[in-house]
Amino acid sequence: METQFLQSGQFQKENFSAFIKELVQKFKPEQIYSFGKYIDFKVNDGCFIENQSTENYHYFLLMVTESVTRIEHEVQDFANNKYPFGKITIMAHGQETIVAAINNPEASLEVLKEPELF
């Protein structure tokens, strides 16, 4: 018996892309970077249980804004309410704040080492 997952990769990709478009329309960021993705697949199968599978997706994004005004709570609330297909954790910072952090030798910027730009 082959395990069928509830969400296909294409389904997840389409919904995530639609969410990113909504995010861009609402907040008009300079850039959005993906710096991580966690996908958890679980399968329960056996002679005493019905075959069940679950998929959990968690995306990690950095949104670069034009202004240094802090909006991360509003952005995170938007993600929590508009994306029911998994979790999205968003850091939102102004470009000026990010440049200052890059120029600070004591700052840990693991996020910016290998991000994927949307």
Foldseek 3Di string as FASTA:
>chain_A
DDADEPADPVNVVVLVVVLVVVLCVVQVFPWKWWQDKDKDKDWDDDPVDDTDIYIAIETEMETEHQDQDADLVVSLVSQVPRRPRHHYHYHYGYPVVVVVLVPDPPHDPSSPPDIDID
